[in-house]
Amino acid sequence: MVDEKSEDKTPASDVAFTPSVKAAQRRRGSRDGYARMEEKGGWQRTVTPDLAAFLGERDSFYLATASAAGQPYIQHRGGPKGFLKVVGERQLAFADFAGNRQYISVGNLAENDRAHIFLMDYAGRQRIKIWGRARFVEDDGELLQSLVMPEYKAKPERAVVFDIEAWDVNCPQHITPRYPEEVIETVVHKLQARIAELEAEVAELRAG
């Protein structure tokens, strides 16, 4: 678990801004700006209404873990909108569905609980990064049941609980807008209906 007393003495961003990172920032001229950010409060540690709303609209994210030796691994996680749930002011959870049975994330978290969640909103050109610690829970049927979404036909194998240490919102730079299929279908249907109206008008004018 996170030691909140020790955390209060350091900026939340220290989870990412290690001494080596800060040294790199100094060499490249960005440390003063980030230091001012830290003095004003810096990154968040708890779930805000804005973060909860953002999570509720996501149908996928990327989960990063690492082995005890430091070998990184990133895995795409997908499901219905809102499958990554807020279960506490500093805690998220989701159902881990049956997949390719490689169990790399399972093995990594068994020996190194540090993890990272990276979420993208391509249409809104926004990304959110969440640092924390994660664990698999396989003996809590009530928890798992609370995370399962009935309309999603996939087999849940276990729950994943993620304790938040810090989170931050990135700028929209270099994010190419992409839109969900249902949004594109709605726009296309409206265009098709308008085209049909115009074709009918043209046909009527020609007949006249």
Protein backbone atom coordinates (compact mmCIF):
# COMPACT_ATOMS: atom_id res chain seq x y z
CA MET A 1 0.00 0.00 0.00
CA VAL A 2 1.01 3.63 -0.51
CA ASP A 3 2.54 5.48 2.44
CA GLU A 4 0.43 8.67 2.37
CA LYS A 5 2.45 10.45 5.08
CA SER A 6 5.69 10.16 3.13
CA GLU A 7 3.86 11.09 -0.09
CA ASP A 8 2.61 14.38 1.36
CA LYS A 9 6.21 15.60 1.66
CA THR A 10 6.97 15.18 -2.04
CA PRO A 11 5.18 16.23 -5.24
CA ALA A 12 3.03 13.55 -6.84
CA SER A 13 5.08 13.97 -10.01
CA ASP A 14 8.14 12.55 -8.24
CA VAL A 15 6.77 9.12 -9.16
CA ALA A 16 7.98 9.95 -12.69
CA PHE A 17 10.40 12.82 -12.12
CA THR A 18 13.22 10.81 -10.60
CA PRO A 19 16.59 12.47 -9.82
CA SER A 20 17.82 11.31 -13.21
CA VAL A 21 14.78 12.82 -14.95
CA LYS A 22 15.16 16.10 -13.07
CA ALA A 23 18.82 16.23 -14.05
CA ALA A 24 17.82 15.79 -17.70
CA GLN A 25 15.25 18.56 -17.32
CA ARG A 26 17.92 20.89 -15.91
CA ARG A 27 20.30 20.15 -18.76
CA ARG A 28 17.58 20.84 -21.32
CA GLY A 29 16.06 23.91 -19.65
CA SER A 30 12.64 22.67 -18.50
CA ARG A 31 13.27 22.02 -14.77
CA ASP A 32 12.32 25.54 -13.61
CA GLY A 33 8.92 25.28 -15.28
CA TYR A 34 8.18 21.90 -13.75
CA ALA A 35 9.43 23.10 -10.36
CA ARG A 36 6.87 25.92 -10.49
CA MET A 37 4.19 23.37 -11.37
CA GLU A 38 5.17 21.30 -8.33
CA GLU A 39 5.00 24.34 -6.05
CA LYS A 40 1.43 25.02 -7.21
CA GLY A 41 0.30 21.49 -6.40
CA GLY A 42 1.42 19.61 -9.48
CA TRP A 43 -0.19 16.37 -10.48
CA GLN A 44 -3.26 14.86 -8.86
CA ARG A 45 -3.36 11.83 -6.57
CA THR A 46 -7.11 11.34 -6.23
CA VAL A 47 -9.93 10.76 -8.70
CA THR A 48 -11.66 14.02 -9.62
CA PRO A 49 -15.10 14.27 -11.26
CA ASP A 50 -13.38 15.13 -14.56
CA LEU A 51 -11.19 12.02 -14.39
CA ALA A 52 -14.18 9.83 -13.48
CA ALA A 53 -16.13 11.20 -16.45
CA PHE A 54 -13.17 10.62 -18.78
CA LEU A 55 -12.79 7.02 -17.60
CA GLY A 56 -16.51 6.42 -18.04
CA GLU A 57 -16.24 7.15 -21.76
CA ARG A 58 -13.22 4.97 -22.49
CA ASP A 59 -13.56 1.53 -24.04
CA SER A 60 -9.85 0.72 -24.01
CA PHE A 61 -6.53 1.64 -22.44
CA TYR A 62 -2.95 0.43 -22.23
CA LEU A 63 -1.59 -1.27 -19.11
CA ALA A 64 2.18 -1.18 -18.58
CA THR A 65 3.98 -3.53 -16.19
CA ALA A 66 7.57 -4.69 -15.76
CA SER A 67 9.29 -7.80 -14.51
CA ALA A 68 11.46 -7.78 -11.40
CA ALA A 69 14.44 -7.37 -13.74
CA GLY A 70 12.85 -4.27 -15.27
CA GLN A 71 11.76 -5.76 -18.61
CA PRO A 72 8.76 -3.60 -19.66
CA TYR A 73 5.53 -4.87 -21.17
CA ILE A 74 2.52 -2.95 -22.50
CA GLN A 75 -0.83 -4.64 -23.01
CA HIS A 76 -3.97 -3.27 -24.65
CA ARG A 77 -7.12 -3.73 -22.57
CA GLY A 78 -10.55 -3.32 -24.13
CA GLY A 79 -14.19 -3.67 -23.15
CA PRO A 80 -17.46 -1.73 -23.07
CA LYS A 81 -17.36 1.96 -22.18
CA GLY A 82 -16.68 2.44 -18.48
CA PHE A 83 -15.25 -1.03 -17.84
CA LEU A 84 -12.34 0.63 -16.01
CA LYS A 85 -14.22 1.58 -12.85
CA VAL A 86 -13.58 4.00 -10.01
CA VAL A 87 -13.86 2.03 -6.75
CA GLY A 88 -12.28 4.53 -4.37
CA GLU A 89 -10.91 8.06 -4.31
CA ARG A 90 -7.50 6.64 -5.17
CA GLN A 91 -8.41 3.27 -6.60
CA LEU A 92 -9.53 1.83 -9.93
CA ALA A 93 -10.46 -1.72 -10.88
CA PHE A 94 -11.49 -3.75 -13.90
CA ALA A 95 -12.38 -7.31 -14.81
CA ASP A 96 -9.58 -9.27 -16.47
CA PHE A 97 -11.16 -11.24 -19.31
CA ALA A 98 -9.86 -14.47 -20.83
CA GLY A 99 -7.28 -13.81 -23.55
CA ASN A 100 -4.31 -15.50 -25.20
CA ARG A 101 -3.16 -17.11 -21.92
CA GLN A 102 0.38 -15.71 -22.03
CA TYR A 103 -0.11 -14.22 -18.52
CA ILE A 104 2.77 -11.77 -18.88
CA SER A 105 1.02 -9.05 -16.88
CA VAL A 106 -0.02 -11.61 -14.25
CA GLY A 107 3.56 -12.80 -13.86
CA ASN A 108 5.02 -9.29 -13.84
CA LEU A 109 2.65 -8.03 -11.14
CA ALA A 110 3.35 -11.09 -9.01
CA GLU A 111 6.96 -9.91 -8.62
CA ASN A 112 6.72 -6.16 -9.28
CA ASP A 113 3.48 -4.32 -8.51
CA ARG A 114 4.44 -1.04 -10.17
CA ALA A 115 2.13 -0.33 -13.09
CA HIS A 116 0.96 2.41 -15.41
CA ILE A 117 -2.30 3.10 -17.23
CA PHE A 118 -2.30 5.16 -20.42
CA LEU A 119 -5.65 6.31 -21.83
CA MET A 120 -6.40 8.01 -25.15
CA ASP A 121 -9.39 10.03 -26.33
CA TYR A 122 -8.56 10.36 -30.01
CA ALA A 123 -11.71 12.26 -30.93
CA GLY A 124 -11.18 14.78 -28.12
CA ARG A 125 -7.38 14.77 -28.62
CA GLN A 126 -6.64 14.12 -24.95
CA ARG A 127 -4.49 11.59 -23.13
CA ILE A 128 -4.24 10.79 -19.44
CA LYS A 129 -1.39 8.97 -17.70
CA ILE A 130 -1.87 7.21 -14.36
CA TRP A 131 0.98 5.87 -12.22
CA GLY A 132 0.39 3.39 -9.42
CA ARG A 133 0.56 -0.14 -8.18
CA ALA A 134 -1.64 -3.00 -9.34
CA ARG A 135 -2.57 -6.47 -8.21
CA PHE A 136 -4.67 -9.35 -9.47
CA VAL A 137 -7.48 -10.54 -7.20
CA GLU A 138 -8.75 -14.08 -7.88
CA ASP A 139 -10.57 -14.96 -4.65
CA ASP A 140 -13.16 -12.17 -4.39
CA GLY A 141 -16.27 -13.16 -6.31
CA GLU A 142 -18.23 -10.15 -5.06
CA LEU A 143 -15.61 -7.71 -6.34
CA LEU A 144 -15.39 -9.45 -9.70
CA GLN A 145 -19.17 -9.48 -10.08
CA SER A 146 -19.30 -5.74 -9.41
CA LEU A 147 -16.88 -5.15 -12.29
CA VAL A 148 -18.57 -7.35 -14.88
CA MET A 149 -20.85 -5.58 -17.36
CA PRO A 150 -23.73 -7.93 -18.29
CA GLU A 151 -23.99 -6.70 -21.88
CA TYR A 152 -20.36 -7.64 -22.58
CA LYS A 153 -20.12 -11.32 -23.51
CA ALA A 154 -16.63 -12.22 -22.35
CA LYS A 155 -15.38 -14.56 -19.64
CA PRO A 156 -13.97 -12.72 -16.59
CA GLU A 157 -11.07 -14.60 -14.98
CA ARG A 158 -10.01 -12.25 -12.18
CA ALA A 159 -10.16 -8.65 -11.01
CA VAL A 160 -7.35 -6.14 -11.32
CA VAL A 161 -7.13 -3.46 -8.62
CA PHE A 162 -5.03 -0.37 -9.34
CA ASP A 163 -3.94 1.98 -6.53
CA ILE A 164 -3.28 5.47 -7.86
CA GLU A 165 -0.06 7.27 -6.94
CA ALA A 166 -0.31 10.12 -9.44
CA TRP A 167 -2.03 11.10 -12.67
CA ASP A 168 -1.57 13.80 -15.28
CA VAL A 169 -3.22 15.12 -18.44
CA ASN A 170 -1.07 15.50 -21.55
CA CYS A 171 -1.35 18.18 -24.21
CA PRO A 172 -3.09 17.34 -27.53
CA GLN A 173 0.06 17.80 -29.61
CA HIS A 174 0.57 15.17 -32.34
CA ILE A 175 -2.72 13.37 -31.56
CA THR A 176 -4.49 12.66 -34.87
CA PRO A 177 -8.28 12.72 -34.35
CA ARG A 178 -9.94 9.33 -34.79
CA TYR A 179 -13.62 8.60 -34.29
CA PRO A 180 -15.59 5.53 -33.10
CA GLU A 181 -17.52 3.56 -35.68
CA GLU A 182 -20.89 4.56 -34.21
CA VAL A 183 -20.06 8.26 -34.57
CA ILE A 184 -19.01 7.82 -38.20
CA GLU A 185 -22.14 5.78 -38.94
CA THR A 186 -24.37 8.54 -37.54
CA VAL A 187 -22.69 11.18 -39.71
CA VAL A 188 -22.79 8.95 -42.81
CA HIS A 189 -26.48 8.18 -42.32
CA LYS A 190 -27.28 11.90 -42.12
CA LEU A 191 -25.28 12.53 -45.29
CA GLN A 192 -27.00 9.65 -47.10
CA ALA A 193 -30.41 10.97 -46.08
CA ARG A 194 -29.52 14.45 -47.34
CA ILE A 195 -28.20 13.05 -50.62
CA ALA A 196 -31.45 11.14 -51.08
CA GLU A 197 -33.44 14.36 -50.52
CA LEU A 198 -31.33 16.25 -53.06
CA GLU A 199 -31.59 13.46 -55.63
CA ALA A 200 -35.37 13.48 -55.21
CA GLU A 201 -35.45 17.25 -55.76
CA VAL A 202 -33.26 16.94 -58.87
CA ALA A 203 -35.48 14.20 -60.25
CA GLU A 204 -38.59 16.33 -59.64
CA LEU A 205 -37.04 19.35 -61.37
CA ARG A 206 -36.04 17.26 -64.38
CA ALA A 207 -39.52 15.79 -64.61
CA GLY A 208 -41.02 19.32 -64.51
